[in-house]
Amino acid sequence: MKETSFIQQNKEKWQDLETLLKEKRKDPDQMSELFIQVSEDLSYARTFYPNRSIRVYLNNITQAIFFNVYKNKRTKWKDIVFFWKEELPYVVYQSRKELSIAFSIFAIAMLFGLISSIKDPAFAERILGNSYIEMTKENIASGDPMAVYKKMNQVDMFMGITLNNLWVAFKAWFWTSLSGNLYSLTSLSYFRYQQFKTDSRSGSFDLPGWFY
């Protein structure tokens, strides 16, 4: 590949990296991805353009990334402060759309459960089970509403919750797979039926071999 073609093909990527290096807050994922790509470009330039300015340019960019990633490492306590003051708020801001959707779904579900419980006092019993509701009422009456978490060994409780979650996940996978397969079979059968009707009207279909 000619040097001019190599530059033309990759200059937009290099410009993005230069812009990223000038920003105060740098996206670590984007920088990591661009760093890998530029390192590959530098290796290519060292092989095919060892005495050209493009090699020097890529080498300088690679050094700048190395300086930002490795030379400016903070101490342990500064890392903790930086995480709570800068990194975590930035990640939350970047994910604000997904967090807003998740919170909205949670709020709607909670509101639905609250309204259902007000309209129908037996709603909670149907969802959680009568024994659990009665046990919770007894714990509240005795002044220890969290007693349900103190009656079991921590390991037994962990295993019980884990197995229950696995069982719920398996049922969700099973019914989803079954529904998907039934939908596919129904669609295929309908398609075959429509094809058979079309062929029978035109008289162009062949009977299967087992018919003869």
N, C-alpha and C. Protein backbone atom coordinates (compact mmCIF):
# COMPACT_ATOMS: atom_id res chain seq x y z
N MET A 1 0.84 -1.19 0.00
CA MET A 1 0.00 0.00 0.00
C MET A 1 0.89 1.25 0.00
N LYS A 2 0.54 2.22 -0.84
CA LYS A 2 1.30 3.46 -0.87
C LYS A 2 1.08 4.25 0.41
N GLU A 3 2.08 5.06 0.75
CA GLU A 3 2.01 5.83 1.99
C GLU A 3 0.81 6.78 1.99
N THR A 4 0.57 7.43 0.85
CA THR A 4 -0.56 8.36 0.78
C THR A 4 -1.89 7.64 0.98
N SER A 5 -2.02 6.43 0.44
CA SER A 5 -3.24 5.65 0.62
C SER A 5 -3.40 5.23 2.08
N PHE A 6 -2.28 4.85 2.69
CA PHE A 6 -2.30 4.46 4.10
C PHE A 6 -2.75 5.62 4.99
N ILE A 7 -2.24 6.80 4.72
CA ILE A 7 -2.62 7.99 5.51
C ILE A 7 -4.08 8.33 5.28
N GLN A 8 -4.50 8.33 4.02
CA GLN A 8 -5.87 8.67 3.70
C GLN A 8 -6.87 7.71 4.34
N GLN A 9 -6.49 6.46 4.44
CA GLN A 9 -7.37 5.43 4.98
C GLN A 9 -7.53 5.54 6.50
N ASN A 10 -6.50 6.05 7.17
CA ASN A 10 -6.50 6.02 8.63
C ASN A 10 -6.48 7.39 9.31
N LYS A 11 -6.41 8.47 8.54
CA LYS A 11 -6.21 9.79 9.17
C LYS A 11 -7.40 10.20 10.06
N GLU A 12 -8.62 9.79 9.68
CA GLU A 12 -9.78 10.14 10.50
C GLU A 12 -9.69 9.49 11.88
N LYS A 13 -9.22 8.26 11.94
CA LYS A 13 -9.05 7.56 13.21
C LYS A 13 -7.99 8.25 14.07
N TRP A 14 -6.90 8.67 13.45
CA TRP A 14 -5.85 9.35 14.19
C TRP A 14 -6.32 10.71 14.71
N GLN A 15 -7.10 11.39 13.90
CA GLN A 15 -7.64 12.68 14.34
C GLN A 15 -8.57 12.51 15.54
N ASP A 16 -9.37 11.44 15.52
CA ASP A 16 -10.24 11.16 16.67
C ASP A 16 -9.42 10.94 17.93
N LEU A 17 -8.31 10.25 17.80
CA LEU A 17 -7.46 9.99 18.94
C LEU A 17 -6.80 11.27 19.45
N GLU A 18 -6.37 12.13 18.55
CA GLU A 18 -5.80 13.42 18.96
C GLU A 18 -6.84 14.25 19.71
N THR A 19 -8.06 14.25 19.21
CA THR A 19 -9.13 14.98 19.89
C THR A 19 -9.40 14.41 21.27
N LEU A 20 -9.38 13.08 21.36
CA LEU A 20 -9.62 12.42 22.65
C LEU A 20 -8.52 12.75 23.65
N LEU A 21 -7.29 12.83 23.19
CA LEU A 21 -6.17 13.15 24.08
C LEU A 21 -6.25 14.57 24.63
N LYS A 22 -6.90 15.47 23.89
CA LYS A 22 -7.03 16.86 24.33
C LYS A 22 -8.17 17.06 25.32
N GLU A 23 -9.09 16.09 25.38
CA GLU A 23 -10.22 16.22 26.28
C GLU A 23 -9.80 16.01 27.72
N LYS A 24 -10.49 16.72 28.63
CA LYS A 24 -10.18 16.59 30.05
C LYS A 24 -10.63 15.24 30.58
N ARG A 25 -11.84 14.84 30.17
CA ARG A 25 -12.36 13.52 30.55
C ARG A 25 -12.26 12.61 29.36
N LYS A 26 -11.47 11.58 29.50
CA LYS A 26 -11.22 10.67 28.39
C LYS A 26 -12.00 9.38 28.61
N ASP A 27 -12.66 8.91 27.56
CA ASP A 27 -13.38 7.64 27.62
C ASP A 27 -12.36 6.51 27.58
N PRO A 28 -12.18 5.74 28.66
CA PRO A 28 -11.14 4.70 28.69
C PRO A 28 -11.36 3.61 27.66
N ASP A 29 -12.61 3.24 27.42
CA ASP A 29 -12.88 2.19 26.43
C ASP A 29 -12.50 2.65 25.03
N GLN A 30 -12.90 3.87 24.68
CA GLN A 30 -12.57 4.40 23.36
C GLN A 30 -11.07 4.57 23.20
N MET A 31 -10.40 5.06 24.25
CA MET A 31 -8.95 5.24 24.18
C MET A 31 -8.25 3.90 24.02
N SER A 32 -8.71 2.89 24.74
CA SER A 32 -8.10 1.57 24.64
C SER A 32 -8.24 1.00 23.24
N GLU A 33 -9.44 1.16 22.67
CA GLU A 33 -9.68 0.65 21.31
C GLU A 33 -8.80 1.37 20.29
N LEU A 34 -8.76 2.70 20.38
CA LEU A 34 -7.95 3.47 19.44
C LEU A 34 -6.46 3.20 19.63
N PHE A 35 -6.05 2.97 20.89
CA PHE A 35 -4.64 2.69 21.16
C PHE A 35 -4.21 1.39 20.47
N ILE A 36 -5.07 0.38 20.53
CA ILE A 36 -4.75 -0.90 19.86
C ILE A 36 -4.63 -0.70 18.36
N GLN A 37 -5.56 0.07 17.80
CA GLN A 37 -5.55 0.30 16.35
C GLN A 37 -4.31 1.09 15.93
N VAL A 38 -3.98 2.15 16.69
CA VAL A 38 -2.82 2.97 16.34
C VAL A 38 -1.52 2.18 16.53
N SER A 39 -1.48 1.30 17.52
CA SER A 39 -0.29 0.46 17.70
C SER A 39 -0.07 -0.44 16.50
N GLU A 40 -1.17 -0.96 15.97
CA GLU A 40 -1.07 -1.78 14.76
C GLU A 40 -0.60 -0.95 13.58
N ASP A 41 -1.13 0.29 13.49
CA ASP A 41 -0.70 1.18 12.40
C ASP A 41 0.78 1.53 12.53
N LEU A 42 1.25 1.72 13.78
CA LEU A 42 2.66 2.03 14.00
C LEU A 42 3.55 0.86 13.58
N SER A 43 3.12 -0.36 13.91
CA SER A 43 3.89 -1.54 13.49
C SER A 43 3.96 -1.64 11.97
N TYR A 44 2.85 -1.32 11.32
CA TYR A 44 2.81 -1.36 9.85
C TYR A 44 3.75 -0.30 9.28
N ALA A 45 3.69 0.92 9.88
CA ALA A 45 4.53 2.01 9.39
C ALA A 45 6.01 1.70 9.60
N ARG A 46 6.36 1.08 10.72
CA ARG A 46 7.76 0.72 10.96
C ARG A 46 8.27 -0.29 9.95
N THR A 47 7.36 -1.13 9.46
CA THR A 47 7.77 -2.17 8.50
C THR A 47 7.92 -1.61 7.09
N PHE A 48 6.92 -0.79 6.67
CA PHE A 48 6.88 -0.37 5.27
C PHE A 48 7.34 1.08 5.05
N TYR A 49 7.31 1.92 6.11
CA TYR A 49 7.74 3.32 5.95
C TYR A 49 8.69 3.68 7.10
N PRO A 50 9.80 2.97 7.25
CA PRO A 50 10.67 3.17 8.43
C PRO A 50 11.33 4.55 8.49
N ASN A 51 11.55 5.18 7.35
CA ASN A 51 12.25 6.46 7.34
C ASN A 51 11.35 7.63 6.96
N ARG A 52 10.04 7.43 7.11
CA ARG A 52 9.09 8.48 6.73
C ARG A 52 8.53 9.16 7.98
N SER A 53 7.97 10.35 7.77
CA SER A 53 7.46 11.13 8.91
C SER A 53 6.22 10.51 9.54
N ILE A 54 5.51 9.68 8.77
CA ILE A 54 4.30 9.07 9.32
C ILE A 54 4.64 8.14 10.47
N ARG A 55 5.82 7.50 10.40
CA ARG A 55 6.24 6.63 11.51
C ARG A 55 6.49 7.45 12.77
N VAL A 56 7.13 8.61 12.60
CA VAL A 56 7.40 9.49 13.75
C VAL A 56 6.10 10.00 14.35
N TYR A 57 5.16 10.36 13.48
CA TYR A 57 3.87 10.88 13.94
C TYR A 57 3.12 9.83 14.77
N LEU A 58 3.04 8.60 14.26
CA LEU A 58 2.34 7.53 14.99
C LEU A 58 3.07 7.17 16.27
N ASN A 59 4.38 7.23 16.25
CA ASN A 59 5.14 6.93 17.45
C ASN A 59 4.87 7.98 18.54
N ASN A 60 4.72 9.25 18.15
CA ASN A 60 4.43 10.30 19.11
C ASN A 60 3.03 10.13 19.72
N ILE A 61 2.06 9.74 18.89
CA ILE A 61 0.70 9.51 19.40
C ILE A 61 0.70 8.34 20.39
N THR A 62 1.41 7.28 20.04
CA THR A 62 1.47 6.11 20.92
C THR A 62 2.12 6.47 22.25
N GLN A 63 3.17 7.27 22.22
CA GLN A 63 3.82 7.70 23.44
C GLN A 63 2.89 8.57 24.30
N ALA A 64 2.09 9.42 23.63
CA ALA A 64 1.15 10.28 24.37
C ALA A 64 0.11 9.44 25.09
N ILE A 65 -0.38 8.39 24.43
CA ILE A 65 -1.35 7.50 25.08
C ILE A 65 -0.69 6.78 26.26
N PHE A 66 0.51 6.30 26.05
CA PHE A 66 1.23 5.60 27.12
C PHE A 66 1.41 6.52 28.32
N PHE A 67 1.74 7.78 28.06
CA PHE A 67 1.94 8.74 29.15
C PHE A 67 0.64 8.95 29.92
N ASN A 68 -0.49 9.07 29.21
CA ASN A 68 -1.78 9.29 29.86
C ASN A 68 -2.24 8.07 30.65
N VAL A 69 -1.95 6.89 30.13
CA VAL A 69 -2.46 5.68 30.76
C VAL A 69 -1.57 5.20 31.91
N TYR A 70 -0.25 5.26 31.70
CA TYR A 70 0.65 4.63 32.66
C TYR A 70 1.45 5.61 33.52
N LYS A 71 1.83 6.73 32.97
CA LYS A 71 2.70 7.65 33.71
C LYS A 71 1.94 8.46 34.75
N ASN A 72 0.63 8.66 34.55
CA ASN A 72 -0.15 9.48 35.47
C ASN A 72 -0.97 8.66 36.44
N LYS A 73 -0.47 7.53 36.83
CA LYS A 73 -1.20 6.69 37.79
C LYS A 73 -1.32 7.39 39.14
N ARG A 74 -2.49 7.34 39.71
CA ARG A 74 -2.72 7.98 41.00
C ARG A 74 -2.41 7.00 42.13
N THR A 75 -2.24 7.56 43.31
CA THR A 75 -2.07 6.70 44.47
C THR A 75 -3.40 6.04 44.79
N LYS A 76 -3.37 5.08 45.71
CA LYS A 76 -4.55 4.30 46.02
C LYS A 76 -5.71 5.17 46.51
N TRP A 77 -5.41 6.10 47.47
CA TRP A 77 -6.47 6.93 48.02
C TRP A 77 -6.99 7.93 46.99
N LYS A 78 -6.11 8.41 46.13
CA LYS A 78 -6.56 9.33 45.09
C LYS A 78 -7.46 8.61 44.08
N ASP A 79 -7.17 7.34 43.85
CA ASP A 79 -8.03 6.55 42.96
C ASP A 79 -9.43 6.43 43.53
N ILE A 80 -9.53 6.23 44.84
CA ILE A 80 -10.84 6.09 45.48
C ILE A 80 -11.61 7.40 45.38
N VAL A 81 -10.93 8.50 45.67
CA VAL A 81 -11.58 9.81 45.59
C VAL A 81 -11.98 10.11 44.16
N PHE A 82 -11.09 9.79 43.23
CA PHE A 82 -11.39 10.05 41.82
C PHE A 82 -12.60 9.23 41.36
N PHE A 83 -12.69 7.98 41.85
CA PHE A 83 -13.81 7.13 41.46
C PHE A 83 -15.14 7.73 41.88
N TRP A 84 -15.23 8.19 43.15
CA TRP A 84 -16.50 8.71 43.66
C TRP A 84 -16.80 10.12 43.15
N LYS A 85 -15.78 10.93 42.90
CA LYS A 85 -16.01 12.31 42.49
C LYS A 85 -16.12 12.48 40.99
N GLU A 86 -15.39 11.65 40.22
CA GLU A 86 -15.32 11.86 38.78
C GLU A 86 -15.86 10.67 37.97
N GLU A 87 -15.28 9.49 38.21
CA GLU A 87 -15.56 8.35 37.33
C GLU A 87 -16.99 7.87 37.46
N LEU A 88 -17.45 7.63 38.70
CA LEU A 88 -18.81 7.12 38.89
C LEU A 88 -19.88 8.10 38.41
N PRO A 89 -19.81 9.39 38.77
CA PRO A 89 -20.81 10.33 38.22
C PRO A 89 -20.78 10.39 36.70
N TYR A 90 -19.59 10.26 36.11
CA TYR A 90 -19.50 10.31 34.66
C TYR A 90 -20.16 9.08 34.03
N VAL A 91 -19.92 7.90 34.61
CA VAL A 91 -20.53 6.66 34.10
C VAL A 91 -22.05 6.72 34.24
N VAL A 92 -22.52 7.23 35.40
CA VAL A 92 -23.97 7.36 35.60
C VAL A 92 -24.56 8.31 34.57
N TYR A 93 -23.86 9.41 34.31
CA TYR A 93 -24.36 10.37 33.32
C TYR A 93 -24.39 9.75 31.92
N GLN A 94 -23.36 8.99 31.59
CA GLN A 94 -23.31 8.33 30.28
C GLN A 94 -24.42 7.29 30.13
N SER A 95 -24.83 6.69 31.25
CA SER A 95 -25.85 5.63 31.22
C SER A 95 -27.21 6.15 31.67
N ARG A 96 -27.42 7.46 31.63
CA ARG A 96 -28.65 8.04 32.17
C ARG A 96 -29.89 7.53 31.47
N LYS A 97 -29.80 7.25 30.18
CA LYS A 97 -30.97 6.76 29.45
C LYS A 97 -31.38 5.38 29.94
N GLU A 98 -30.40 4.47 30.04
CA GLU A 98 -30.70 3.11 30.49
C GLU A 98 -31.17 3.11 31.94
N LEU A 99 -30.55 3.94 32.78
CA LEU A 99 -30.96 4.00 34.18
C LEU A 99 -32.37 4.57 34.32
N SER A 100 -32.70 5.55 33.48
CA SER A 100 -34.04 6.14 33.53
C SER A 100 -35.10 5.12 33.13
N ILE A 101 -34.79 4.31 32.12
CA ILE A 101 -35.74 3.27 31.69
C ILE A 101 -35.92 2.23 32.79
N ALA A 102 -34.79 1.79 33.40
CA ALA A 102 -34.86 0.79 34.46
C ALA A 102 -35.64 1.33 35.66
N PHE A 103 -35.38 2.59 36.04
CA PHE A 103 -36.10 3.17 37.18
C PHE A 103 -37.59 3.31 36.87
N SER A 104 -37.92 3.68 35.63
CA SER A 104 -39.33 3.83 35.25
C SER A 104 -40.06 2.50 35.33
N ILE A 105 -39.42 1.43 34.84
CA ILE A 105 -40.03 0.11 34.91
C ILE A 105 -40.23 -0.31 36.37
N PHE A 106 -39.22 -0.06 37.20
CA PHE A 106 -39.32 -0.40 38.62
C PHE A 106 -40.44 0.39 39.30
N ALA A 107 -40.52 1.69 39.00
CA ALA A 107 -41.54 2.54 39.62
C ALA A 107 -42.95 2.11 39.19
N ILE A 108 -43.11 1.77 37.90
CA ILE A 108 -44.41 1.34 37.40
C ILE A 108 -44.82 0.02 38.06
N ALA A 109 -43.86 -0.92 38.17
CA ALA A 109 -44.16 -2.21 38.80
C ALA A 109 -44.52 -2.02 40.27
N MET A 110 -43.79 -1.14 40.97
CA MET A 110 -44.09 -0.89 42.37
C MET A 110 -45.47 -0.24 42.52
N LEU A 111 -45.79 0.70 41.63
CA LEU A 111 -47.09 1.36 41.68
C LEU A 111 -48.21 0.36 41.39
N PHE A 112 -47.96 -0.53 40.44
CA PHE A 112 -48.94 -1.56 40.10
C PHE A 112 -49.19 -2.47 41.31
N GLY A 113 -48.11 -2.88 41.98
CA GLY A 113 -48.28 -3.73 43.16
C GLY A 113 -48.99 -3.01 44.29
N LEU A 114 -48.69 -1.72 44.49
CA LEU A 114 -49.33 -0.95 45.55
C LEU A 114 -50.83 -0.80 45.29
N ILE A 115 -51.18 -0.43 44.07
CA ILE A 115 -52.60 -0.26 43.73
C ILE A 115 -53.34 -1.59 43.82
N SER A 116 -52.70 -2.66 43.34
CA SER A 116 -53.33 -3.99 43.39
C SER A 116 -53.57 -4.42 44.83
N SER A 117 -52.60 -4.13 45.73
CA SER A 117 -52.76 -4.50 47.13
C SER A 117 -53.87 -3.70 47.80
N ILE A 118 -54.01 -2.42 47.41
CA ILE A 118 -55.07 -1.59 47.99
C ILE A 118 -56.44 -2.06 47.50
N LYS A 119 -56.55 -2.37 46.22
CA LYS A 119 -57.82 -2.81 45.66
C LYS A 119 -58.18 -4.21 46.11
N ASP A 120 -57.16 -5.05 46.24
CA ASP A 120 -57.39 -6.45 46.60
C ASP A 120 -56.38 -6.86 47.66
N PRO A 121 -56.76 -6.88 48.94
CA PRO A 121 -55.82 -7.23 50.01
C PRO A 121 -55.21 -8.62 49.87
N ALA A 122 -55.87 -9.50 49.13
CA ALA A 122 -55.35 -10.86 48.97
C ALA A 122 -54.33 -10.96 47.84
N PHE A 123 -54.05 -9.84 47.16
CA PHE A 123 -53.12 -9.86 46.02
C PHE A 123 -51.73 -10.32 46.45
N ALA A 124 -51.25 -9.76 47.59
CA ALA A 124 -49.91 -10.12 48.05
C ALA A 124 -49.81 -11.60 48.40
N GLU A 125 -50.89 -12.16 48.96
CA GLU A 125 -50.87 -13.58 49.32
C GLU A 125 -50.78 -14.46 48.08
N ARG A 126 -51.45 -14.05 47.00
CA ARG A 126 -51.39 -14.85 45.77
C ARG A 126 -50.01 -14.78 45.13
N ILE A 127 -49.31 -13.66 45.31
CA ILE A 127 -48.00 -13.50 44.70
C ILE A 127 -46.91 -14.13 45.57
N LEU A 128 -46.94 -13.83 46.88
CA LEU A 128 -45.87 -14.28 47.78
C LEU A 128 -46.19 -15.57 48.52
N GLY A 129 -47.47 -15.92 48.58
CA GLY A 129 -47.85 -17.11 49.32
C GLY A 129 -48.37 -16.76 50.70
N ASN A 130 -49.39 -17.48 51.13
CA ASN A 130 -50.03 -17.18 52.42
C ASN A 130 -49.09 -17.41 53.60
N SER A 131 -48.27 -18.46 53.53
CA SER A 131 -47.38 -18.77 54.65
C SER A 131 -46.34 -17.66 54.86
N TYR A 132 -45.83 -17.11 53.77
CA TYR A 132 -44.84 -16.05 53.89
C TYR A 132 -45.47 -14.79 54.47
N ILE A 133 -46.70 -14.47 54.05
CA ILE A 133 -47.38 -13.29 54.55
C ILE A 133 -47.66 -13.43 56.05
N GLU A 134 -48.13 -14.60 56.47
CA GLU A 134 -48.42 -14.82 57.88
C GLU A 134 -47.15 -14.76 58.73
N MET A 135 -46.07 -15.31 58.21
CA MET A 135 -44.81 -15.27 58.94
C MET A 135 -44.31 -13.84 59.09
N THR A 136 -44.46 -13.04 58.03
CA THR A 136 -44.05 -11.64 58.09
C THR A 136 -44.88 -10.86 59.10
N LYS A 137 -46.19 -11.13 59.12
CA LYS A 137 -47.05 -10.46 60.11
C LYS A 137 -46.63 -10.81 61.53
N GLU A 138 -46.31 -12.08 61.77
CA GLU A 138 -45.88 -12.51 63.10
C GLU A 138 -44.56 -11.84 63.49
N ASN A 139 -43.64 -11.73 62.54
CA ASN A 139 -42.36 -11.08 62.83
C ASN A 139 -42.54 -9.60 63.15
N ILE A 140 -43.45 -8.93 62.41
CA ILE A 140 -43.73 -7.51 62.68
C ILE A 140 -44.36 -7.35 64.05
N ALA A 141 -45.28 -8.25 64.38
CA ALA A 141 -45.95 -8.17 65.69
C ALA A 141 -44.98 -8.40 66.84
N SER A 142 -43.96 -9.22 66.62
CA SER A 142 -42.98 -9.50 67.66
C SER A 142 -41.88 -8.46 67.73
N GLY A 143 -41.93 -7.46 66.86
CA GLY A 143 -40.94 -6.38 66.88
C GLY A 143 -39.68 -6.67 66.13
N ASP A 144 -39.65 -7.73 65.31
CA ASP A 144 -38.45 -8.05 64.53
C ASP A 144 -38.86 -8.40 63.09
N PRO A 145 -39.16 -7.41 62.28
CA PRO A 145 -39.63 -7.69 60.91
C PRO A 145 -38.60 -8.37 60.02
N MET A 146 -37.30 -8.31 60.40
CA MET A 146 -36.25 -8.92 59.59
C MET A 146 -35.88 -10.31 60.10
N ALA A 147 -36.71 -10.87 60.95
CA ALA A 147 -36.38 -12.17 61.56
C ALA A 147 -36.30 -13.29 60.52
N VAL A 148 -36.98 -13.12 59.38
CA VAL A 148 -36.96 -14.16 58.36
C VAL A 148 -35.55 -14.42 57.86
N TYR A 149 -34.68 -13.39 57.93
CA TYR A 149 -33.31 -13.55 57.45
C TYR A 149 -32.37 -14.06 58.53
N LYS A 150 -32.89 -14.24 59.75
CA LYS A 150 -32.05 -14.69 60.86
C LYS A 150 -32.30 -16.15 61.23
N LYS A 151 -33.33 -16.74 60.63
CA LYS A 151 -33.71 -18.10 61.02
C LYS A 151 -32.88 -19.16 60.31
N MET A 152 -32.31 -18.80 59.15
CA MET A 152 -31.56 -19.77 58.36
C MET A 152 -30.07 -19.47 58.43
N ASN A 153 -29.28 -20.51 58.24
CA ASN A 153 -27.85 -20.35 58.11
C ASN A 153 -27.54 -19.57 56.83
N GLN A 154 -26.51 -18.74 56.86
CA GLN A 154 -26.20 -17.89 55.72
C GLN A 154 -25.91 -18.71 54.46
N VAL A 155 -25.19 -19.81 54.63
CA VAL A 155 -24.86 -20.66 53.47
C VAL A 155 -26.13 -21.29 52.91
N ASP A 156 -27.00 -21.79 53.80
CA ASP A 156 -28.26 -22.40 53.35
C ASP A 156 -29.14 -21.37 52.63
N MET A 157 -29.18 -20.16 53.17
CA MET A 157 -29.99 -19.12 52.54
C MET A 157 -29.42 -18.76 51.16
N PHE A 158 -28.09 -18.65 51.10
CA PHE A 158 -27.43 -18.35 49.82
C PHE A 158 -27.74 -19.42 48.78
N MET A 159 -27.61 -20.68 49.18
CA MET A 159 -27.88 -21.77 48.25
C MET A 159 -29.35 -21.79 47.84
N GLY A 160 -30.24 -21.52 48.79
CA GLY A 160 -31.67 -21.51 48.46
C GLY A 160 -32.02 -20.42 47.47
N ILE A 161 -31.49 -19.22 47.69
CA ILE A 161 -31.75 -18.10 46.76
C ILE A 161 -31.15 -18.40 45.39
N THR A 162 -29.93 -18.95 45.39
CA THR A 162 -29.27 -19.26 44.12
C THR A 162 -30.04 -20.29 43.32
N LEU A 163 -30.44 -21.38 43.97
CA LEU A 163 -31.19 -22.44 43.29
C LEU A 163 -32.54 -21.92 42.80
N ASN A 164 -33.18 -21.08 43.60
CA ASN A 164 -34.46 -20.52 43.18
C ASN A 164 -34.29 -19.64 41.94
N ASN A 165 -33.23 -18.82 41.93
CA ASN A 165 -32.99 -17.97 40.76
C ASN A 165 -32.68 -18.80 39.52
N LEU A 166 -31.91 -19.88 39.71
CA LEU A 166 -31.62 -20.77 38.57
C LEU A 166 -32.89 -21.43 38.05
N TRP A 167 -33.78 -21.84 38.98
CA TRP A 167 -35.03 -22.46 38.58
C TRP A 167 -35.92 -21.49 37.82
N VAL A 168 -35.99 -20.25 38.30
CA VAL A 168 -36.78 -19.23 37.61
C VAL A 168 -36.20 -18.96 36.22
N ALA A 169 -34.85 -18.87 36.14
CA ALA A 169 -34.22 -18.63 34.84
C ALA A 169 -34.47 -19.79 33.89
N PHE A 170 -34.42 -21.02 34.41
CA PHE A 170 -34.68 -22.19 33.56
C PHE A 170 -36.11 -22.17 33.04
N LYS A 171 -37.07 -21.86 33.90
CA LYS A 171 -38.47 -21.82 33.46
C LYS A 171 -38.67 -20.73 32.41
N ALA A 172 -38.03 -19.58 32.62
CA ALA A 172 -38.14 -18.50 31.64
C ALA A 172 -37.56 -18.93 30.30
N TRP A 173 -36.38 -19.61 30.36
CA TRP A 173 -35.77 -20.09 29.11
C TRP A 173 -36.64 -21.15 28.45
N PHE A 174 -37.19 -22.08 29.24
CA PHE A 174 -37.98 -23.18 28.69
C PHE A 174 -39.23 -22.64 27.99
N TRP A 175 -39.99 -21.79 28.67
CA TRP A 175 -41.24 -21.30 28.09
C TRP A 175 -40.98 -20.37 26.92
N THR A 176 -39.89 -19.60 26.98
CA THR A 176 -39.55 -18.75 25.85
C THR A 176 -39.17 -19.59 24.63
N SER A 177 -38.34 -20.62 24.87
CA SER A 177 -37.95 -21.50 23.76
C SER A 177 -39.15 -22.23 23.19
N LEU A 178 -40.03 -22.72 24.08
CA LEU A 178 -41.22 -23.43 23.61
C LEU A 178 -42.11 -22.52 22.80
N SER A 179 -42.31 -21.29 23.28
CA SER A 179 -43.16 -20.35 22.55
C SER A 179 -42.54 -20.02 21.19
N GLY A 180 -41.21 -19.83 21.17
CA GLY A 180 -40.54 -19.52 19.91
C GLY A 180 -40.65 -20.67 18.91
N ASN A 181 -40.47 -21.90 19.39
CA ASN A 181 -40.57 -23.06 18.50
C ASN A 181 -42.00 -23.25 17.99
N LEU A 182 -42.98 -23.06 18.87
CA LEU A 182 -44.38 -23.18 18.43
C LEU A 182 -44.72 -22.12 17.39
N TYR A 183 -44.20 -20.91 17.60
CA TYR A 183 -44.44 -19.83 16.63
C TYR A 183 -43.81 -20.18 15.28
N SER A 184 -42.58 -20.72 15.32
CA SER A 184 -41.90 -21.08 14.08
C SER A 184 -42.64 -22.20 13.36
N LEU A 185 -43.08 -23.21 14.11
CA LEU A 185 -43.81 -24.31 13.50
C LEU A 185 -45.14 -23.84 12.91
N THR A 186 -45.82 -22.96 13.64
CA THR A 186 -47.09 -22.44 13.15
C THR A 186 -46.89 -21.63 11.88
N SER A 187 -45.85 -20.80 11.86
CA SER A 187 -45.57 -19.99 10.68
C SER A 187 -45.21 -20.87 9.49
N LEU A 188 -44.39 -21.91 9.76
CA LEU A 188 -44.00 -22.81 8.68
C LEU A 188 -45.20 -23.59 8.15
N SER A 189 -46.06 -24.05 9.05
CA SER A 189 -47.25 -24.78 8.62
C SER A 189 -48.17 -23.90 7.79
N TYR A 190 -48.34 -22.67 8.23
CA TYR A 190 -49.20 -21.75 7.47
C TYR A 190 -48.61 -21.47 6.09
N PHE A 191 -47.27 -21.31 6.04
CA PHE A 191 -46.63 -21.08 4.75
C PHE A 191 -46.82 -22.28 3.83
N ARG A 192 -46.63 -23.48 4.38
CA ARG A 192 -46.81 -24.70 3.58
C ARG A 192 -48.26 -24.82 3.10
N TYR A 193 -49.19 -24.46 3.97
CA TYR A 193 -50.60 -24.54 3.60
C TYR A 193 -50.92 -23.57 2.47
N GLN A 194 -50.41 -22.36 2.57
CA GLN A 194 -50.65 -21.37 1.53
C GLN A 194 -49.99 -21.80 0.21
N GLN A 195 -48.81 -22.39 0.32
CA GLN A 195 -48.12 -22.87 -0.88
C GLN A 195 -48.89 -24.01 -1.52
N PHE A 196 -49.44 -24.91 -0.68
CA PHE A 196 -50.23 -26.03 -1.20
C PHE A 196 -51.48 -25.53 -1.92
N LYS A 197 -52.16 -24.51 -1.33
CA LYS A 197 -53.36 -23.96 -1.97
C LYS A 197 -53.02 -23.35 -3.31
N THR A 198 -51.90 -22.62 -3.36
CA THR A 198 -51.51 -21.99 -4.62
C THR A 198 -51.18 -23.02 -5.68
N ASP A 199 -50.43 -24.05 -5.27
CA ASP A 199 -50.04 -25.10 -6.22
C ASP A 199 -51.24 -25.91 -6.69
N SER A 200 -52.19 -26.16 -5.76
CA SER A 200 -53.35 -26.97 -6.13
C SER A 200 -54.24 -26.22 -7.12
N ARG A 201 -54.32 -24.91 -6.97
CA ARG A 201 -55.13 -24.13 -7.90
C ARG A 201 -54.52 -24.09 -9.29
N SER A 202 -53.18 -24.04 -9.31
CA SER A 202 -52.52 -23.98 -10.61
C SER A 202 -52.28 -25.36 -11.20
N GLY A 203 -52.47 -26.41 -10.37
CA GLY A 203 -52.27 -27.78 -10.83
C GLY A 203 -50.82 -28.13 -11.05
N SER A 204 -49.91 -27.43 -10.38
CA SER A 204 -48.49 -27.63 -10.61
C SER A 204 -47.79 -28.39 -9.49
N PHE A 205 -48.54 -28.87 -8.49
CA PHE A 205 -47.87 -29.54 -7.37
C PHE A 205 -47.73 -31.02 -7.67
N ASP A 206 -46.71 -31.63 -7.07
CA ASP A 206 -46.44 -33.06 -7.21
C ASP A 206 -46.81 -33.76 -5.92
N LEU A 207 -47.39 -34.92 -6.05
CA LEU A 207 -47.71 -35.72 -4.87
C LEU A 207 -46.44 -36.31 -4.30
N PRO A 208 -46.36 -36.48 -3.00
CA PRO A 208 -45.15 -37.06 -2.39
C PRO A 208 -44.94 -38.49 -2.84
N GLY A 209 -43.68 -38.96 -2.73
CA GLY A 209 -43.33 -40.28 -3.22
C GLY A 209 -44.07 -41.40 -2.53
N TRP A 210 -44.36 -41.20 -1.22
CA TRP A 210 -45.03 -42.28 -0.48
C TRP A 210 -46.47 -42.49 -0.96
N PHE A 211 -47.04 -41.51 -1.76
CA PHE A 211 -48.43 -41.64 -2.18
C PHE A 211 -48.58 -42.74 -3.22
N TYR A 212 -47.52 -42.95 -4.01
CA TYR A 212 -47.63 -43.91 -5.11
C TYR A 212 -47.43 -45.33 -4.59
